[in-house]
Amino acid sequence: MREEACSIPTDQVGNRHCTLARRIPAIALEKSGEGRNGREKLGLILHLAGGSDVEICGEGFNPRTVKVCHKGLYYFILAEDLPE
């Protein structure tokens, strides 16, 4: 896994917004905390609701995923789940 992909941006870096067409799975990106050496980590797998507005803000942890922001929280989703 690429370490830079698992960092939470400190400023707004997104350049593309989209609205999800359907409910999709997402992996939460949790903020760093004490005992983690200042590193973020992958969190729970959950779902983002259809109709949610997301901002694409970076590459994912592998070539099939992208990092998105939704309501100030960061997630990894499959690139194929983004609307065309």
PDB file of N, CA and C in Angstrom:
ATOM      1  N   MET A   1       0.856  -1.175   0.000  1.00  0.00           N
ATOM      2  CA  MET A   1       0.000   0.000   0.000  1.00  0.00           C
ATOM      3  C   MET A   1       0.896   1.230   0.000  1.00  0.00           C
ATOM      4  N   ARG A   2       0.535   2.189  -0.811  1.00  0.00           N
ATOM      5  CA  ARG A   2       1.303   3.439  -0.901  1.00  0.00           C
ATOM      6  C   ARG A   2       0.996   4.303   0.311  1.00  0.00           C
ATOM      7  N   GLU A   3       2.027   4.653   1.058  1.00  0.00           N
ATOM      8  CA  GLU A   3       1.833   5.403   2.299  1.00  0.00           C
ATOM      9  C   GLU A   3       1.250   6.788   2.057  1.00  0.00           C
ATOM     10  N   GLU A   4       1.678   7.463   0.987  1.00  0.00           N
ATOM     11  CA  GLU A   4       1.162   8.812   0.731  1.00  0.00           C
ATOM     12  C   GLU A   4      -0.332   8.802   0.414  1.00  0.00           C
ATOM     13  N   ALA A   5      -0.849   7.697  -0.082  1.00  0.00           N
ATOM     14  CA  ALA A   5      -2.280   7.600  -0.367  1.00  0.00           C
ATOM     15  C   ALA A   5      -3.100   7.616   0.913  1.00  0.00           C
ATOM     16  N   CYS A   6      -2.513   7.146   2.001  1.00  0.00           N
ATOM     17  CA  CYS A   6      -3.238   7.053   3.264  1.00  0.00           C
ATOM     18  C   CYS A   6      -3.086   8.291   4.129  1.00  0.00           C
ATOM     19  N   SER A   7      -2.687   9.396   3.544  1.00  0.00           N
ATOM     20  CA  SER A   7      -2.606  10.629   4.315  1.00  0.00           C
ATOM     21  C   SER A   7      -3.855  11.471   4.066  1.00  0.00           C
ATOM     22  N   ILE A   8      -4.263  12.173   5.087  1.00  0.00           N
ATOM     23  CA  ILE A   8      -5.425  13.053   4.978  1.00  0.00           C
ATOM     24  C   ILE A   8      -4.910  14.438   4.605  1.00  0.00           C
ATOM     25  N   PRO A   9      -5.417  15.007   3.519  1.00  0.00           N
ATOM     26  CA  PRO A   9      -4.938  16.328   3.084  1.00  0.00           C
ATOM     27  C   PRO A   9      -5.185  17.389   4.150  1.00  0.00           C
ATOM     28  N   THR A  10      -4.248  18.323   4.271  1.00  0.00           N
ATOM     29  CA  THR A  10      -4.416  19.408   5.237  1.00  0.00           C
ATOM     30  C   THR A  10      -5.127  20.603   4.620  1.00  0.00           C
ATOM     31  N   ASP A  11      -5.215  20.637   3.316  1.00  0.00           N
ATOM     32  CA  ASP A  11      -5.965  21.686   2.632  1.00  0.00           C
ATOM     33  C   ASP A  11      -6.823  21.042   1.555  1.00  0.00           C
ATOM     34  N   GLN A  12      -7.734  21.808   1.027  1.00  0.00           N
ATOM     35  CA  GLN A  12      -8.656  21.302   0.019  1.00  0.00           C
ATOM     36  C   GLN A  12      -7.900  21.020  -1.276  1.00  0.00           C
ATOM     37  N   VAL A  13      -7.865  19.761  -1.688  1.00  0.00           N
ATOM     38  CA  VAL A  13      -7.103  19.400  -2.876  1.00  0.00           C
ATOM     39  C   VAL A  13      -7.963  18.822  -3.986  1.00  0.00           C
ATOM     40  N   GLY A  14      -9.227  18.653  -3.734  1.00  0.00           N
ATOM     41  CA  GLY A  14     -10.106  18.039  -4.722  1.00  0.00           C
ATOM     42  C   GLY A  14     -10.297  18.912  -5.941  1.00  0.00           C
ATOM     43  N   ASN A  15     -10.442  18.258  -7.067  1.00  0.00           N
ATOM     44  CA  ASN A  15     -10.641  19.018  -8.295  1.00  0.00           C
ATOM     45  C   ASN A  15     -11.823  18.506  -9.090  1.00  0.00           C
ATOM     46  N   ARG A  16     -12.521  17.520  -8.551  1.00  0.00           N
ATOM     47  CA  ARG A  16     -13.673  16.985  -9.268  1.00  0.00           C
ATOM     48  C   ARG A  16     -14.735  16.561  -8.265  1.00  0.00           C
ATOM     49  N   HIS A  17     -15.932  17.040  -8.487  1.00  0.00           N
ATOM     50  CA  HIS A  17     -17.061  16.673  -7.644  1.00  0.00           C
ATOM     51  C   HIS A  17     -17.999  15.792  -8.451  1.00  0.00           C
ATOM     52  N   CYS A  18     -18.645  14.871  -7.766  1.00  0.00           N
ATOM     53  CA  CYS A  18     -19.664  14.080  -8.443  1.00  0.00           C
ATOM     54  C   CYS A  18     -20.694  13.616  -7.425  1.00  0.00           C
ATOM     55  N   THR A  19     -21.825  13.197  -7.935  1.00  0.00           N
ATOM     56  CA  THR A  19     -22.904  12.671  -7.112  1.00  0.00           C
ATOM     57  C   THR A  19     -23.006  11.187  -7.389  1.00  0.00           C
ATOM     58  N   LEU A  20     -22.962  10.392  -6.329  1.00  0.00           N
ATOM     59  CA  LEU A  20     -23.018   8.945  -6.495  1.00  0.00           C
ATOM     60  C   LEU A  20     -24.393   8.521  -6.998  1.00  0.00           C
ATOM     61  N   ALA A  21     -24.400   7.665  -7.994  1.00  0.00           N
ATOM     62  CA  ALA A  21     -25.654   7.223  -8.601  1.00  0.00           C
ATOM     63  C   ALA A  21     -26.356   6.158  -7.759  1.00  0.00           C
ATOM     64  N   ARG A  22     -25.586   5.455  -6.944  1.00  0.00           N
ATOM     65  CA  ARG A  22     -26.154   4.373  -6.131  1.00  0.00           C
ATOM     66  C   ARG A  22     -25.323   4.222  -4.861  1.00  0.00           C
ATOM     67  N   ARG A  23     -25.814   3.436  -3.956  1.00  0.00           N
ATOM     68  CA  ARG A  23     -25.094   3.133  -2.713  1.00  0.00           C
ATOM     69  C   ARG A  23     -23.844   2.323  -3.061  1.00  0.00           C
ATOM     70  N   ILE A  24     -22.690   2.732  -2.496  1.00  0.00           N
ATOM     71  CA  ILE A  24     -21.445   2.034  -2.808  1.00  0.00           C
ATOM     72  C   ILE A  24     -20.644   1.765  -1.535  1.00  0.00           C
ATOM     73  N   PRO A  25     -19.841   0.699  -1.538  1.00  0.00           N
ATOM     74  CA  PRO A  25     -18.976   0.443  -0.385  1.00  0.00           C
ATOM     75  C   PRO A  25     -17.811   1.421  -0.354  1.00  0.00           C
ATOM     76  N   ALA A  26     -17.353   1.728   0.842  1.00  0.00           N
ATOM     77  CA  ALA A  26     -16.239   2.657   1.031  1.00  0.00           C
ATOM     78  C   ALA A  26     -15.442   2.215   2.256  1.00  0.00           C
ATOM     79  N   ILE A  27     -14.139   2.495   2.231  1.00  0.00           N
ATOM     80  CA  ILE A  27     -13.283   2.216   3.378  1.00  0.00           C
ATOM     81  C   ILE A  27     -12.911   3.556   3.996  1.00  0.00           C
ATOM     82  N   ALA A  28     -13.254   3.733   5.258  1.00  0.00           N
ATOM     83  CA  ALA A  28     -12.959   4.989   5.947  1.00  0.00           C
ATOM     84  C   ALA A  28     -11.459   5.142   6.152  1.00  0.00           C
ATOM     85  N   LEU A  29     -10.990   6.371   6.090  1.00  0.00           N
ATOM     86  CA  LEU A  29      -9.603   6.702   6.391  1.00  0.00           C
ATOM     87  C   LEU A  29      -9.623   7.449   7.717  1.00  0.00           C
ATOM     88  N   GLU A  30      -9.049   6.841   8.753  1.00  0.00           N
ATOM     89  CA  GLU A  30      -9.088   7.411  10.091  1.00  0.00           C
ATOM     90  C   GLU A  30      -7.878   8.299  10.342  1.00  0.00           C
ATOM     91  N   LYS A  31      -8.110   9.391  11.058  1.00  0.00           N
ATOM     92  CA  LYS A  31      -7.037  10.331  11.390  1.00  0.00           C
ATOM     93  C   LYS A  31      -6.032   9.671  12.317  1.00  0.00           C
ATOM     94  N   SER A  32      -4.822  10.206  12.244  1.00  0.00           N
ATOM     95  CA  SER A  32      -3.760   9.676  13.097  1.00  0.00           C
ATOM     96  C   SER A  32      -4.078   9.961  14.560  1.00  0.00           C
ATOM     97  N   GLY A  33      -3.528   9.149  15.395  1.00  0.00           N
ATOM     98  CA  GLY A  33      -3.735   9.327  16.821  1.00  0.00           C
ATOM     99  C   GLY A  33      -2.515   8.873  17.590  1.00  0.00           C
ATOM    100  N   GLU A  34      -2.584   9.060  18.843  1.00  0.00           N
ATOM    101  CA  GLU A  34      -1.477   8.659  19.697  1.00  0.00           C
ATOM    102  C   GLU A  34      -1.254   7.153  19.564  1.00  0.00           C
ATOM    103  N   GLY A  35      -0.020   6.755  19.483  1.00  0.00           N
ATOM    104  CA  GLY A  35       0.296   5.344  19.358  1.00  0.00           C
ATOM    105  C   GLY A  35       0.353   4.849  17.928  1.00  0.00           C
ATOM    106  N   ARG A  36       0.096   5.714  16.964  1.00  0.00           N
ATOM    107  CA  ARG A  36       0.143   5.315  15.556  1.00  0.00           C
ATOM    108  C   ARG A  36       1.293   5.981  14.817  1.00  0.00           C
ATOM    109  N   ASN A  37       2.210   6.572  15.535  1.00  0.00           N
ATOM    110  CA  ASN A  37       3.347   7.259  14.923  1.00  0.00           C
ATOM    111  C   ASN A  37       2.914   8.346  13.959  1.00  0.00           C
ATOM    112  N   GLY A  38       1.780   8.979  14.223  1.00  0.00           N
ATOM    113  CA  GLY A  38       1.304  10.064  13.377  1.00  0.00           C
ATOM    114  C   GLY A  38       0.756   9.626  12.039  1.00  0.00           C
ATOM    115  N   ARG A  39       0.487   8.353  11.868  1.00  0.00           N
ATOM    116  CA  ARG A  39      -0.006   7.842  10.590  1.00  0.00           C
ATOM    117  C   ARG A  39      -1.512   7.616  10.627  1.00  0.00           C
ATOM    118  N   GLU A  40      -2.146   7.898   9.504  1.00  0.00           N
ATOM    119  CA  GLU A  40      -3.543   7.557   9.371  1.00  0.00           C
ATOM    120  C   GLU A  40      -3.647   6.053   9.134  1.00  0.00           C
ATOM    121  N   LYS A  41      -4.847   5.510   9.282  1.00  0.00           N
ATOM    122  CA  LYS A  41      -5.021   4.081   9.035  1.00  0.00           C
ATOM    123  C   LYS A  41      -6.370   3.838   8.383  1.00  0.00           C
ATOM    124  N   LEU A  42      -6.477   2.688   7.750  1.00  0.00           N
ATOM    125  CA  LEU A  42      -7.740   2.294   7.156  1.00  0.00           C
ATOM    126  C   LEU A  42      -8.700   1.921   8.270  1.00  0.00           C
ATOM    127  N   GLY A  43      -9.941   2.352   8.112  1.00  0.00           N
ATOM    128  CA  GLY A  43     -10.945   2.101   9.133  1.00  0.00           C
ATOM    129  C   GLY A  43     -11.987   1.110   8.668  1.00  0.00           C
ATOM    130  N   LEU A  44     -13.193   1.332   9.101  1.00  0.00           N
ATOM    131  CA  LEU A  44     -14.305   0.433   8.813  1.00  0.00           C
ATOM    132  C   LEU A  44     -14.719   0.477   7.345  1.00  0.00           C
ATOM    133  N   ILE A  45     -15.258  -0.633   6.899  1.00  0.00           N
ATOM    134  CA  ILE A  45     -15.901  -0.676   5.583  1.00  0.00           C
ATOM    135  C   ILE A  45     -17.358  -0.321   5.828  1.00  0.00           C
ATOM    136  N   LEU A  46     -17.848   0.655   5.084  1.00  0.00           N
ATOM    137  CA  LEU A  46     -19.230   1.099   5.225  1.00  0.00           C
ATOM    138  C   LEU A  46     -19.780   1.402   3.844  1.00  0.00           C
ATOM    139  N   HIS A  47     -20.926   2.026   3.778  1.00  0.00           N
ATOM    140  CA  HIS A  47     -21.522   2.392   2.491  1.00  0.00           C
ATOM    141  C   HIS A  47     -21.801   3.882   2.454  1.00  0.00           C
ATOM    142  N   LEU A  48     -21.562   4.474   1.290  1.00  0.00           N
ATOM    143  CA  LEU A  48     -21.975   5.853   1.035  1.00  0.00           C
ATOM    144  C   LEU A  48     -23.284   5.776   0.263  1.00  0.00           C
ATOM    145  N   ALA A  49     -24.242   6.564   0.663  1.00  0.00           N
ATOM    146  CA  ALA A  49     -25.582   6.505   0.082  1.00  0.00           C
ATOM    147  C   ALA A  49     -25.610   7.038  -1.335  1.00  0.00           C
ATOM    148  N   GLY A  50     -26.479   6.472  -2.138  1.00  0.00           N
ATOM    149  CA  GLY A  50     -26.741   7.024  -3.461  1.00  0.00           C
ATOM    150  C   GLY A  50     -27.230   8.446  -3.303  1.00  0.00           C
ATOM    151  N   GLY A  51     -26.800   9.327  -4.180  1.00  0.00           N
ATOM    152  CA  GLY A  51     -27.155  10.734  -4.091  1.00  0.00           C
ATOM    153  C   GLY A  51     -26.168  11.555  -3.280  1.00  0.00           C
ATOM    154  N   SER A  52     -25.181  10.888  -2.654  1.00  0.00           N
ATOM    155  CA  SER A  52     -24.160  11.603  -1.882  1.00  0.00           C
ATOM    156  C   SER A  52     -23.233  12.363  -2.821  1.00  0.00           C
ATOM    157  N   ASP A  53     -22.894  13.583  -2.443  1.00  0.00           N
ATOM    158  CA  ASP A  53     -21.917  14.367  -3.191  1.00  0.00           C
ATOM    159  C   ASP A  53     -20.541  14.071  -2.616  1.00  0.00           C
ATOM    160  N   VAL A  54     -19.608  13.689  -3.489  1.00  0.00           N
ATOM    161  CA  VAL A  54     -18.239  13.415  -3.057  1.00  0.00           C
ATOM    162  C   VAL A  54     -17.277  14.252  -3.880  1.00  0.00           C
ATOM    163  N   GLU A  55     -16.137  14.531  -3.278  1.00  0.00           N
ATOM    164  CA  GLU A  55     -15.073  15.265  -3.938  1.00  0.00           C
ATOM    165  C   GLU A  55     -13.900  14.303  -4.113  1.00  0.00           C
ATOM    166  N   ILE A  56     -13.456  14.110  -5.324  1.00  0.00           N
ATOM    167  CA  ILE A  56     -12.308  13.250  -5.586  1.00  0.00           C
ATOM    168  C   ILE A  56     -11.063  14.050  -5.236  1.00  0.00           C
ATOM    169  N   CYS A  57     -10.266  13.500  -4.323  1.00  0.00           N
ATOM    170  CA  CYS A  57      -9.156  14.302  -3.806  1.00  0.00           C
ATOM    171  C   CYS A  57      -7.822  13.580  -3.832  1.00  0.00           C
ATOM    172  N   GLY A  58      -7.730  12.474  -4.524  1.00  0.00           N
ATOM    173  CA  GLY A  58      -6.430  11.830  -4.624  1.00  0.00           C
ATOM    174  C   GLY A  58      -6.504  10.409  -5.116  1.00  0.00           C
ATOM    175  N   GLU A  59      -5.314   9.854  -5.314  1.00  0.00           N
ATOM    176  CA  GLU A  59      -5.217   8.472  -5.740  1.00  0.00           C
ATOM    177  C   GLU A  59      -5.534   7.561  -4.567  1.00  0.00           C
ATOM    178  N   GLY A  60      -5.925   6.364  -4.888  1.00  0.00           N
ATOM    179  CA  GLY A  60      -6.224   5.393  -3.855  1.00  0.00           C
ATOM    180  C   GLY A  60      -4.996   4.647  -3.390  1.00  0.00           C
ATOM    181  N   PHE A  61      -5.238   3.622  -2.583  1.00  0.00           N
ATOM    182  CA  PHE A  61      -4.129   2.834  -2.066  1.00  0.00           C
ATOM    183  C   PHE A  61      -3.669   1.764  -3.044  1.00  0.00           C
ATOM    184  N   ASN A  62      -4.417   1.607  -4.144  1.00  0.00           N
ATOM    185  CA  ASN A  62      -3.992   0.751  -5.245  1.00  0.00           C
ATOM    186  C   ASN A  62      -4.580   1.327  -6.529  1.00  0.00           C
ATOM    187  N   PRO A  63      -4.224   0.807  -7.702  1.00  0.00           N
ATOM    188  CA  PRO A  63      -4.694   1.409  -8.957  1.00  0.00           C
ATOM    189  C   PRO A  63      -6.209   1.373  -9.169  1.00  0.00           C
ATOM    190  N   ARG A  64      -6.919   0.536  -8.447  1.00  0.00           N
ATOM    191  CA  ARG A  64      -8.366   0.413  -8.639  1.00  0.00           C
ATOM    192  C   ARG A  64      -9.185   1.350  -7.753  1.00  0.00           C
ATOM    193  N   THR A  65      -8.526   2.057  -6.819  1.00  0.00           N
ATOM    194  CA  THR A  65      -9.260   2.884  -5.871  1.00  0.00           C
ATOM    195  C   THR A  65      -8.906   4.362  -6.009  1.00  0.00           C
ATOM    196  N   VAL A  66      -9.799   5.216  -5.488  1.00  0.00           N
ATOM    197  CA  VAL A  66      -9.560   6.655  -5.411  1.00  0.00           C
ATOM    198  C   VAL A  66      -9.933   7.125  -4.008  1.00  0.00           C
ATOM    199  N   LYS A  67      -9.328   8.240  -3.598  1.00  0.00           N
ATOM    200  CA  LYS A  67      -9.647   8.843  -2.310  1.00  0.00           C
ATOM    201  C   LYS A  67     -10.702   9.909  -2.546  1.00  0.00           C
ATOM    202  N   VAL A  68     -11.752   9.903  -1.747  1.00  0.00           N
ATOM    203  CA  VAL A  68     -12.807  10.910  -1.862  1.00  0.00           C
ATOM    204  C   VAL A  68     -13.074  11.517  -0.493  1.00  0.00           C
ATOM    205  N   CYS A  69     -13.668  12.695  -0.521  1.00  0.00           N
ATOM    206  CA  CYS A  69     -14.090  13.371   0.696  1.00  0.00           C
ATOM    207  C   CYS A  69     -15.601  13.528   0.649  1.00  0.00           C
ATOM    208  N   HIS A  70     -16.256  13.207   1.747  1.00  0.00           N
ATOM    209  CA  HIS A  70     -17.704  13.369   1.862  1.00  0.00           C
ATOM    210  C   HIS A  70     -17.993  13.923   3.249  1.00  0.00           C
ATOM    211  N   LYS A  71     -18.540  15.119   3.286  1.00  0.00           N
ATOM    212  CA  LYS A  71     -18.882  15.791   4.547  1.00  0.00           C
ATOM    213  C   LYS A  71     -17.683  15.886   5.492  1.00  0.00           C
ATOM    214  N   GLY A  72     -16.513  16.184   4.927  1.00  0.00           N
ATOM    215  CA  GLY A  72     -15.323  16.399   5.726  1.00  0.00           C
ATOM    216  C   GLY A  72     -14.588  15.141   6.162  1.00  0.00           C
ATOM    217  N   LEU A  73     -15.090  13.980   5.780  1.00  0.00           N
ATOM    218  CA  LEU A  73     -14.432  12.718   6.105  1.00  0.00           C
ATOM    219  C   LEU A  73     -13.882  12.100   4.826  1.00  0.00           C
ATOM    220  N   TYR A  74     -12.831  11.307   4.955  1.00  0.00           N
ATOM    221  CA  TYR A  74     -12.166  10.737   3.789  1.00  0.00           C
ATOM    222  C   TYR A  74     -12.387   9.234   3.700  1.00  0.00           C
ATOM    223  N   TYR A  75     -12.511   8.769   2.457  1.00  0.00           N
ATOM    224  CA  TYR A  75     -12.798   7.365   2.181  1.00  0.00           C
ATOM    225  C   TYR A  75     -12.045   6.931   0.936  1.00  0.00           C
ATOM    226  N   PHE A  76     -11.851   5.625   0.825  1.00  0.00           N
ATOM    227  CA  PHE A  76     -11.393   5.026  -0.420  1.00  0.00           C
ATOM    228  C   PHE A  76     -12.572   4.292  -1.028  1.00  0.00           C
ATOM    229  N   ILE A  77     -12.769   4.496  -2.328  1.00  0.00           N
ATOM    230  CA  ILE A  77     -13.814   3.776  -3.051  1.00  0.00           C
ATOM    231  C   ILE A  77     -13.205   3.235  -4.337  1.00  0.00           C
ATOM    232  N   LEU A  78     -13.886   2.275  -4.932  1.00  0.00           N
ATOM    233  CA  LEU A  78     -13.442   1.739  -6.219  1.00  0.00           C
ATOM    234  C   LEU A  78     -13.697   2.786  -7.305  1.00  0.00           C
ATOM    235  N   ALA A  79     -12.725   3.007  -8.158  1.00  0.00           N
ATOM    236  CA  ALA A  79     -12.880   3.974  -9.236  1.00  0.00           C
ATOM    237  C   ALA A  79     -14.050   3.610 -10.137  1.00  0.00           C
ATOM    238  N   GLU A  80     -14.305   2.326 -10.297  1.00  0.00           N
ATOM    239  CA  GLU A  80     -15.412   1.889 -11.168  1.00  0.00           C
ATOM    240  C   GLU A  80     -16.778   2.261 -10.591  1.00  0.00           C
ATOM    241  N   ASP A  81     -16.855   2.616  -9.319  1.00  0.00           N
ATOM    242  CA  ASP A  81     -18.132   3.016  -8.715  1.00  0.00           C
ATOM    243  C   ASP A  81     -18.465   4.489  -8.937  1.00  0.00           C
ATOM    244  N   LEU A  82     -17.512   5.249  -9.486  1.00  0.00           N
ATOM    245  CA  LEU A  82     -17.795   6.664  -9.780  1.00  0.00           C
ATOM    246  C   LEU A  82     -18.656   6.773 -11.026  1.00  0.00           C
ATOM    247  N   PRO A  83     -19.586   7.741 -11.036  1.00  0.00           N
ATOM    248  CA  PRO A  83     -20.376   7.940 -12.253  1.00  0.00           C
ATOM    249  C   PRO A  83     -19.481   8.435 -13.388  1.00  0.00           C
ATOM    250  N   GLU A  84     -19.832   8.086 -14.584  1.00  0.00           N
ATOM    251  CA  GLU A  84     -19.035   8.475 -15.776  1.00  0.00           C
ATOM    252  C   GLU A  84     -19.090   9.958 -16.006  1.00  0.00           C
TER     253      GLU A  84
END
